[in-house]
N, C-alpha and C. Protein backbone atom coordinates (compact mmCIF):
# COMPACT_ATOMS: atom_id res chain seq x y z
N MET A 1 153.94 11.00 101.33
CA MET A 1 153.68 9.66 100.79
C MET A 1 152.57 9.78 99.75
N PRO A 2 152.75 9.26 98.59
CA PRO A 2 151.72 9.33 97.57
C PRO A 2 150.50 8.51 97.89
N ALA A 3 149.38 8.99 97.36
CA ALA A 3 148.11 8.29 97.60
C ALA A 3 148.14 6.91 96.94
N LYS A 4 147.50 5.94 97.57
CA LYS A 4 147.43 4.59 97.03
C LYS A 4 146.00 4.31 96.59
N PRO A 5 145.84 4.08 95.30
CA PRO A 5 144.50 3.74 94.78
C PRO A 5 144.08 2.34 95.22
N ILE A 6 142.74 2.14 95.18
CA ILE A 6 142.21 0.80 95.53
C ILE A 6 140.91 0.62 94.74
N ASP A 7 140.74 -0.61 94.26
CA ASP A 7 139.50 -1.01 93.62
C ASP A 7 138.65 -1.87 94.56
N LEU A 8 137.40 -1.61 94.62
CA LEU A 8 136.44 -2.41 95.35
C LEU A 8 135.35 -2.82 94.40
N GLY A 9 135.50 -4.02 93.83
CA GLY A 9 134.52 -4.45 92.83
C GLY A 9 134.56 -3.47 91.66
N PRO A 10 133.42 -2.95 91.28
CA PRO A 10 133.35 -2.05 90.09
C PRO A 10 133.78 -0.63 90.43
N MET A 11 134.06 -0.38 91.70
CA MET A 11 134.43 1.03 92.08
C MET A 11 135.93 1.21 92.19
N HIS A 12 136.42 2.36 91.70
CA HIS A 12 137.81 2.70 91.81
C HIS A 12 137.96 3.99 92.68
N PHE A 13 138.88 3.91 93.60
CA PHE A 13 139.15 5.06 94.47
C PHE A 13 140.60 5.46 94.29
N GLU A 14 140.87 6.74 94.07
CA GLU A 14 142.22 7.21 93.87
C GLU A 14 143.02 7.12 95.19
N LYS A 15 142.34 7.25 96.30
CA LYS A 15 142.98 7.18 97.63
C LYS A 15 142.23 6.21 98.53
N LYS A 16 142.97 5.52 99.36
CA LYS A 16 142.34 4.62 100.33
C LYS A 16 141.39 5.37 101.23
N GLU A 17 141.76 6.60 101.57
CA GLU A 17 140.88 7.40 102.44
C GLU A 17 139.53 7.60 101.84
N ASP A 18 139.47 7.73 100.52
CA ASP A 18 138.18 7.91 99.84
C ASP A 18 137.36 6.63 99.91
N ALA A 19 138.00 5.48 99.85
CA ALA A 19 137.28 4.20 100.00
C ALA A 19 136.72 4.04 101.41
N VAL A 20 137.52 4.41 102.42
CA VAL A 20 137.06 4.36 103.79
C VAL A 20 135.87 5.32 103.99
N ALA A 21 135.95 6.47 103.46
CA ALA A 21 134.87 7.46 103.59
C ALA A 21 133.60 6.91 102.92
N TYR A 22 133.73 6.30 101.74
CA TYR A 22 132.57 5.73 101.08
C TYR A 22 131.93 4.62 101.90
N LEU A 23 132.76 3.73 102.42
CA LEU A 23 132.22 2.63 103.23
C LEU A 23 131.58 3.15 104.55
N HIS A 24 132.18 4.19 105.11
CA HIS A 24 131.60 4.80 106.31
C HIS A 24 130.21 5.36 106.04
N LYS A 25 130.08 6.03 104.88
CA LYS A 25 128.73 6.56 104.51
C LYS A 25 127.78 5.40 104.30
N MET A 26 128.24 4.35 103.65
CA MET A 26 127.39 3.16 103.41
C MET A 26 126.91 2.62 104.73
N LEU A 27 127.83 2.47 105.69
CA LEU A 27 127.49 1.94 106.99
C LEU A 27 126.37 2.77 107.68
N HIS A 28 126.40 4.04 107.55
CA HIS A 28 125.43 4.91 108.18
C HIS A 28 124.15 5.14 107.39
N ARG A 29 124.09 4.58 106.15
CA ARG A 29 122.85 4.66 105.37
C ARG A 29 121.84 3.65 105.87
N TYR A 30 122.27 2.66 106.62
CA TYR A 30 121.42 1.57 107.12
C TYR A 30 121.07 1.78 108.58
N ASP A 31 119.85 1.30 108.93
CA ASP A 31 119.49 1.27 110.33
C ASP A 31 120.09 0.01 110.95
N LEU A 32 120.26 0.02 112.23
CA LEU A 32 120.76 -1.17 112.92
C LEU A 32 119.85 -2.32 112.69
N GLY A 33 120.45 -3.46 112.33
CA GLY A 33 119.65 -4.70 112.04
C GLY A 33 119.29 -4.88 110.61
N ASP A 34 119.53 -3.86 109.79
CA ASP A 34 119.20 -3.95 108.35
C ASP A 34 120.13 -4.89 107.61
N LYS A 35 119.60 -5.56 106.62
CA LYS A 35 120.39 -6.33 105.70
C LYS A 35 120.91 -5.39 104.63
N VAL A 36 122.18 -5.52 104.22
CA VAL A 36 122.77 -4.68 103.21
C VAL A 36 122.25 -5.10 101.85
N SER A 37 122.00 -4.12 100.97
CA SER A 37 121.50 -4.40 99.62
C SER A 37 122.47 -5.27 98.82
N ASP A 38 121.98 -5.89 97.78
CA ASP A 38 122.85 -6.71 96.94
C ASP A 38 123.92 -5.88 96.28
N ASP A 39 123.58 -4.67 95.85
CA ASP A 39 124.60 -3.80 95.19
C ASP A 39 125.69 -3.43 96.17
N ASP A 40 125.33 -3.09 97.39
CA ASP A 40 126.35 -2.72 98.40
C ASP A 40 127.12 -3.95 98.81
N ALA A 41 126.51 -5.11 98.80
CA ALA A 41 127.22 -6.38 99.15
C ALA A 41 128.35 -6.68 98.21
N ILE A 42 128.19 -6.31 96.95
CA ILE A 42 129.30 -6.50 96.01
C ILE A 42 130.53 -5.67 96.41
N ILE A 43 130.30 -4.46 96.84
CA ILE A 43 131.42 -3.60 97.30
C ILE A 43 132.03 -4.17 98.60
N LEU A 44 131.16 -4.61 99.54
CA LEU A 44 131.63 -5.14 100.78
C LEU A 44 132.41 -6.43 100.62
N ARG A 45 131.97 -7.31 99.71
CA ARG A 45 132.75 -8.53 99.41
C ARG A 45 134.15 -8.18 98.89
N ALA A 46 134.23 -7.18 98.01
CA ALA A 46 135.52 -6.77 97.48
C ALA A 46 136.37 -6.16 98.57
N ALA A 47 135.77 -5.36 99.43
CA ALA A 47 136.52 -4.76 100.56
C ALA A 47 137.03 -5.87 101.52
N LEU A 48 136.18 -6.79 101.81
CA LEU A 48 136.56 -7.86 102.75
C LEU A 48 137.68 -8.75 102.20
N ALA A 49 137.78 -8.84 100.90
CA ALA A 49 138.89 -9.60 100.28
C ALA A 49 140.25 -9.00 100.62
N HIS A 50 140.27 -7.72 100.96
CA HIS A 50 141.48 -7.05 101.34
C HIS A 50 141.84 -7.18 102.83
N HIS A 51 140.91 -7.70 103.65
CA HIS A 51 141.12 -7.82 105.08
C HIS A 51 142.22 -8.86 105.36
N ARG A 52 143.09 -8.56 106.31
CA ARG A 52 144.20 -9.44 106.60
C ARG A 52 143.74 -10.86 107.07
N ASP A 53 142.53 -10.90 107.64
CA ASP A 53 141.98 -12.21 108.09
C ASP A 53 140.76 -12.63 107.27
N ALA A 54 140.78 -12.27 105.99
CA ALA A 54 139.58 -12.49 105.13
C ALA A 54 139.12 -13.93 105.15
N GLU A 55 140.02 -14.88 105.02
CA GLU A 55 139.66 -16.29 104.90
C GLU A 55 138.98 -16.75 106.21
N VAL A 56 139.50 -16.32 107.32
CA VAL A 56 138.87 -16.72 108.64
C VAL A 56 137.54 -16.02 108.77
N LYS A 57 137.45 -14.77 108.41
CA LYS A 57 136.17 -14.01 108.53
C LYS A 57 135.12 -14.65 107.69
N VAL A 58 135.42 -14.97 106.41
CA VAL A 58 134.46 -15.53 105.52
C VAL A 58 134.03 -16.95 105.92
N GLY A 59 134.98 -17.75 106.38
CA GLY A 59 134.69 -19.12 106.83
C GLY A 59 134.05 -19.94 105.73
N CYS A 60 132.84 -20.50 106.01
CA CYS A 60 132.18 -21.39 105.09
C CYS A 60 131.41 -20.64 103.98
N GLY A 61 131.44 -19.32 103.98
CA GLY A 61 130.80 -18.55 102.92
C GLY A 61 129.85 -17.56 103.50
N ILE A 62 129.53 -16.54 102.71
CA ILE A 62 128.68 -15.42 103.15
C ILE A 62 127.29 -15.56 102.50
N THR A 63 126.28 -15.48 103.33
CA THR A 63 124.90 -15.46 102.88
C THR A 63 124.47 -14.01 102.58
N TYR A 64 124.78 -13.11 103.53
CA TYR A 64 124.45 -11.73 103.37
C TYR A 64 125.23 -10.92 104.41
N PHE A 65 125.20 -9.57 104.23
CA PHE A 65 125.82 -8.64 105.15
C PHE A 65 124.72 -7.88 105.87
N SER A 66 125.02 -7.42 107.08
CA SER A 66 124.09 -6.64 107.86
C SER A 66 124.84 -5.56 108.65
N VAL A 67 124.11 -4.65 109.22
CA VAL A 67 124.67 -3.62 110.07
C VAL A 67 124.11 -3.79 111.45
N ARG A 68 125.01 -3.93 112.41
CA ARG A 68 124.65 -4.10 113.81
C ARG A 68 125.66 -3.35 114.68
N THR A 69 125.48 -3.45 115.97
CA THR A 69 126.44 -2.86 116.88
C THR A 69 127.55 -3.88 117.17
N ALA A 70 128.66 -3.30 117.57
CA ALA A 70 129.83 -4.11 117.95
C ALA A 70 130.30 -3.70 119.33
N ASP A 71 131.57 -3.78 119.59
CA ASP A 71 132.13 -3.42 120.85
C ASP A 71 131.79 -1.93 121.19
N PHE A 72 131.44 -1.74 122.46
CA PHE A 72 131.16 -0.37 122.97
C PHE A 72 130.03 0.28 122.25
N GLY A 73 129.14 -0.50 121.61
CA GLY A 73 127.96 0.09 120.98
C GLY A 73 128.23 0.73 119.65
N THR A 74 129.40 0.55 119.08
CA THR A 74 129.72 1.16 117.79
C THR A 74 129.01 0.39 116.65
N ARG A 75 128.67 1.12 115.61
CA ARG A 75 128.06 0.54 114.42
C ARG A 75 129.09 -0.19 113.61
N CYS A 76 128.73 -1.37 113.08
CA CYS A 76 129.70 -2.18 112.38
C CYS A 76 129.02 -3.06 111.31
N PHE A 77 129.79 -3.39 110.28
CA PHE A 77 129.29 -4.39 109.32
C PHE A 77 129.49 -5.77 109.90
N TRP A 78 128.55 -6.61 109.63
CA TRP A 78 128.61 -8.04 110.03
C TRP A 78 128.39 -8.89 108.79
N LEU A 79 129.10 -9.98 108.72
CA LEU A 79 128.77 -10.99 107.68
C LEU A 79 128.02 -12.11 108.29
N ASN A 80 127.05 -12.61 107.60
CA ASN A 80 126.22 -13.73 108.08
C ASN A 80 126.58 -14.92 107.18
N ARG A 81 127.15 -15.94 107.81
CA ARG A 81 127.65 -17.08 107.08
C ARG A 81 126.57 -18.09 106.71
N ASN A 82 126.95 -18.94 105.77
CA ASN A 82 126.04 -20.00 105.29
C ASN A 82 125.61 -20.97 106.42
N ASP A 83 126.44 -21.13 107.42
CA ASP A 83 126.10 -22.02 108.54
C ASP A 83 125.33 -21.36 109.67
N GLY A 84 124.92 -20.10 109.46
CA GLY A 84 124.15 -19.37 110.48
C GLY A 84 125.00 -18.56 111.46
N THR A 85 126.30 -18.73 111.46
CA THR A 85 127.15 -17.94 112.36
C THR A 85 127.35 -16.55 111.79
N THR A 86 127.82 -15.63 112.62
CA THR A 86 128.04 -14.23 112.18
C THR A 86 129.46 -13.82 112.62
N GLU A 87 129.94 -12.80 111.94
CA GLU A 87 131.27 -12.25 112.28
C GLU A 87 131.28 -10.78 111.92
N LYS A 88 131.78 -9.96 112.82
CA LYS A 88 131.89 -8.52 112.56
C LYS A 88 133.20 -8.28 111.84
N PHE A 89 133.28 -7.17 111.12
CA PHE A 89 134.58 -6.80 110.53
C PHE A 89 134.59 -5.31 110.36
N SER A 90 135.79 -4.76 110.43
CA SER A 90 136.05 -3.32 110.30
C SER A 90 136.30 -2.97 108.84
N HIS A 91 135.52 -2.03 108.34
CA HIS A 91 135.81 -1.60 106.95
C HIS A 91 137.16 -0.86 106.86
N LYS A 92 137.56 -0.24 107.95
CA LYS A 92 138.86 0.43 107.95
C LYS A 92 140.00 -0.58 107.86
N THR A 93 139.87 -1.68 108.60
CA THR A 93 140.86 -2.73 108.53
C THR A 93 140.96 -3.34 107.15
N CYS A 94 139.78 -3.48 106.48
CA CYS A 94 139.79 -4.02 105.14
C CYS A 94 140.67 -3.15 104.21
N ILE A 95 140.52 -1.87 104.31
CA ILE A 95 141.21 -0.95 103.39
C ILE A 95 142.67 -0.80 103.76
N TYR A 96 142.95 -0.63 105.03
CA TYR A 96 144.31 -0.37 105.44
C TYR A 96 145.18 -1.60 105.67
N SER A 97 144.60 -2.84 105.46
CA SER A 97 145.38 -4.04 105.58
C SER A 97 146.30 -4.23 104.36
N THR A 98 145.94 -3.62 103.22
CA THR A 98 146.67 -3.81 102.04
C THR A 98 147.76 -2.76 101.84
């Protein structure tokens, strides 16, 4: 099966696997509880737009992204909404939903 390219904001990846690897490295650059930088947030917003449940995840809008733990203590991206609620999302699901 040929590689499928994907664009995440200003970044272009020849293969979806490369995008997943990039996001995985991004996830591990932050300590638990850290707010994601504005530059990385641009990439995360673009990735989240590919998620099969993007509209539900985003809800009333995103204030910022952070890194926290999720199920079974795994590290995960979280979006923090304008109304103060939060929602976790998988960067792998974002990429492989499309």
